[in-house]
Amino acid sequence: MFYVYVLQSTVKKDEIYTGYTKDLKNRLEKHNKGDVKHTSKYSPWIVSTYIAFDSQTSALDFEKYLKSGSGRVFLRKRLISLCGRVA
């Protein structure tokens, strides 16, 4: 399985990060250890939401979409708000 995930900072609630991985648990550990430069400033992180894909191509395409302008709007309005986190 391939995962597209959205993390939310526990220290700055409006800070989110979107990524892709094959091993979600390990990847979250790396974010929280400070091994990922982009996310080290706002750690620790929690998984706000994730979506599993059978296809690597589909996962990468969806991650790319979520990082686009309309994808960020969709993410905040539909994915995150449904989970009761960042609005």
C-alpha atoms as a PDB file:
ATOM      1  CA  MET A   1       0.000   0.000   0.000  1.00  0.00           C
ATOM      2  CA  PHE A   2       0.997   3.606  -0.609  1.00  0.00           C
ATOM      3  CA  TYR A   3      -0.175   6.364   1.708  1.00  0.00           C
ATOM      4  CA  VAL A   4      -0.815  10.062   1.260  1.00  0.00           C
ATOM      5  CA  TYR A   5      -0.928  11.597   4.707  1.00  0.00           C
ATOM      6  CA  VAL A   6      -1.638  14.920   6.344  1.00  0.00           C
ATOM      7  CA  LEU A   7       0.132  15.813   9.564  1.00  0.00           C
ATOM      8  CA  GLN A   8      -0.892  18.486  12.039  1.00  0.00           C
ATOM      9  CA  SER A   9       1.555  20.121  14.401  1.00  0.00           C
ATOM     10  CA  THR A  10       0.676  19.807  18.087  1.00  0.00           C
ATOM     11  CA  VAL A  11       2.541  23.043  18.905  1.00  0.00           C
ATOM     12  CA  LYS A  12       1.084  25.197  16.118  1.00  0.00           C
ATOM     13  CA  LYS A  13      -2.375  23.822  15.324  1.00  0.00           C
ATOM     14  CA  ASP A  14      -2.792  25.585  11.974  1.00  0.00           C
ATOM     15  CA  GLU A  15       0.473  24.122  10.626  1.00  0.00           C
ATOM     16  CA  ILE A  16      -0.041  21.090   8.401  1.00  0.00           C
ATOM     17  CA  TYR A  17       2.202  18.966   6.205  1.00  0.00           C
ATOM     18  CA  THR A  18       1.214  16.685   3.346  1.00  0.00           C
ATOM     19  CA  GLY A  19       3.382  13.771   2.261  1.00  0.00           C
ATOM     20  CA  TYR A  20       3.599  10.315   0.716  1.00  0.00           C
ATOM     21  CA  THR A  21       5.083   7.072   2.050  1.00  0.00           C
ATOM     22  CA  LYS A  22       4.927   3.286   2.007  1.00  0.00           C
ATOM     23  CA  ASP A  23       5.433   3.071   5.788  1.00  0.00           C
ATOM     24  CA  LEU A  24       3.282   5.599   7.634  1.00  0.00           C
ATOM     25  CA  LYS A  25       4.355   4.671  11.162  1.00  0.00           C
ATOM     26  CA  ASN A  26       8.069   4.943  10.354  1.00  0.00           C
ATOM     27  CA  ARG A  27       7.580   8.176   8.439  1.00  0.00           C
ATOM     28  CA  LEU A  28       5.723   9.794  11.370  1.00  0.00           C
ATOM     29  CA  GLU A  29       8.581   8.781  13.672  1.00  0.00           C
ATOM     30  CA  LYS A  30      11.068  10.483  11.318  1.00  0.00           C
ATOM     31  CA  HIS A  31       8.999  13.680  11.307  1.00  0.00           C
ATOM     32  CA  ASN A  32       8.804  13.686  15.104  1.00  0.00           C
ATOM     33  CA  LYS A  33      12.521  12.940  15.586  1.00  0.00           C
ATOM     34  CA  GLY A  34      13.427  15.974  13.495  1.00  0.00           C
ATOM     35  CA  ASP A  35      14.874  13.914  10.630  1.00  0.00           C
ATOM     36  CA  VAL A  36      12.768  15.832   8.097  1.00  0.00           C
ATOM     37  CA  LYS A  37      14.092  19.368   7.755  1.00  0.00           C
ATOM     38  CA  HIS A  38      10.797  20.873   6.584  1.00  0.00           C
ATOM     39  CA  THR A  39       8.806  19.598   9.579  1.00  0.00           C
ATOM     40  CA  SER A  40      11.376  19.767  12.365  1.00  0.00           C
ATOM     41  CA  LYS A  41      10.426  23.318  13.374  1.00  0.00           C
ATOM     42  CA  TYR A  42       6.858  22.427  14.395  1.00  0.00           C
ATOM     43  CA  SER A  43       7.215  18.915  15.813  1.00  0.00           C
ATOM     44  CA  PRO A  44       5.720  16.885  17.328  1.00  0.00           C
ATOM     45  CA  TRP A  45       3.146  15.957  14.711  1.00  0.00           C
ATOM     46  CA  ILE A  46       0.008  13.824  14.679  1.00  0.00           C
ATOM     47  CA  VAL A  47      -1.619  12.178  11.674  1.00  0.00           C
ATOM     48  CA  SER A  48      -4.698  14.213  10.854  1.00  0.00           C
ATOM     49  CA  THR A  49      -5.781  11.977   7.994  1.00  0.00           C
ATOM     50  CA  TYR A  50      -4.367   9.470   5.540  1.00  0.00           C
ATOM     51  CA  ILE A  51      -5.551   7.745   2.396  1.00  0.00           C
ATOM     52  CA  ALA A  52      -4.273   4.375   1.184  1.00  0.00           C
ATOM     53  CA  PHE A  53      -3.713   3.603  -2.501  1.00  0.00           C
ATOM     54  CA  ASP A  54      -2.904   0.348  -4.297  1.00  0.00           C
ATOM     55  CA  SER A  55      -0.995   2.236  -6.963  1.00  0.00           C
ATOM     56  CA  GLN A  56       2.121   4.312  -6.345  1.00  0.00           C
ATOM     57  CA  THR A  57       1.242   6.497  -9.323  1.00  0.00           C
ATOM     58  CA  SER A  58      -2.217   7.252  -7.930  1.00  0.00           C
ATOM     59  CA  ALA A  59      -0.767   8.119  -4.520  1.00  0.00           C
ATOM     60  CA  LEU A  60       1.842  10.456  -5.987  1.00  0.00           C
ATOM     61  CA  ASP A  61      -0.757  12.117  -8.225  1.00  0.00           C
ATOM     62  CA  PHE A  62      -3.066  12.697  -5.245  1.00  0.00           C
ATOM     63  CA  GLU A  63      -0.215  14.083  -3.116  1.00  0.00           C
ATOM     64  CA  LYS A  64       0.664  16.470  -5.941  1.00  0.00           C
ATOM     65  CA  TYR A  65      -2.976  17.566  -6.160  1.00  0.00           C
ATOM     66  CA  LEU A  66      -3.196  18.214  -2.392  1.00  0.00           C
ATOM     67  CA  LYS A  67      -0.126  20.444  -2.661  1.00  0.00           C
ATOM     68  CA  SER A  68      -1.731  22.521  -5.453  1.00  0.00           C
ATOM     69  CA  GLY A  69      -3.859  25.588  -4.800  1.00  0.00           C
ATOM     70  CA  SER A  70      -7.214  23.885  -5.281  1.00  0.00           C
ATOM     71  CA  GLY A  71      -5.923  20.797  -3.479  1.00  0.00           C
ATOM     72  CA  ARG A  72      -5.024  22.821  -0.373  1.00  0.00           C
ATOM     73  CA  VAL A  73      -8.539  24.315  -0.347  1.00  0.00           C
ATOM     74  CA  PHE A  74     -10.066  20.828  -0.693  1.00  0.00           C
ATOM     75  CA  LEU A  75      -7.781  19.510   2.034  1.00  0.00           C
ATOM     76  CA  ARG A  76      -8.716  22.175   4.570  1.00  0.00           C
ATOM     77  CA  LYS A  77     -12.414  22.313   3.659  1.00  0.00           C
ATOM     78  CA  ARG A  78     -13.195  18.628   3.181  1.00  0.00           C
ATOM     79  CA  LEU A  79     -10.507  16.287   4.507  1.00  0.00           C
ATOM     80  CA  ILE A  80      -9.324  17.992   7.670  1.00  0.00           C
ATOM     81  CA  SER A  81     -12.616  19.563   8.731  1.00  0.00           C
ATOM     82  CA  LEU A  82     -14.285  16.142   8.528  1.00  0.00           C
ATOM     83  CA  CYS A  83     -11.766  14.829  11.034  1.00  0.00           C
ATOM     84  CA  GLY A  84     -12.491  17.658  13.483  1.00  0.00           C
ATOM     85  CA  ARG A  85      -9.033  19.145  13.313  1.00  0.00           C
ATOM     86  CA  VAL A  86      -7.582  22.251  11.633  1.00  0.00           C
ATOM     87  CA  ALA A  87     -10.338  24.354  10.077  1.00  0.00           C
END
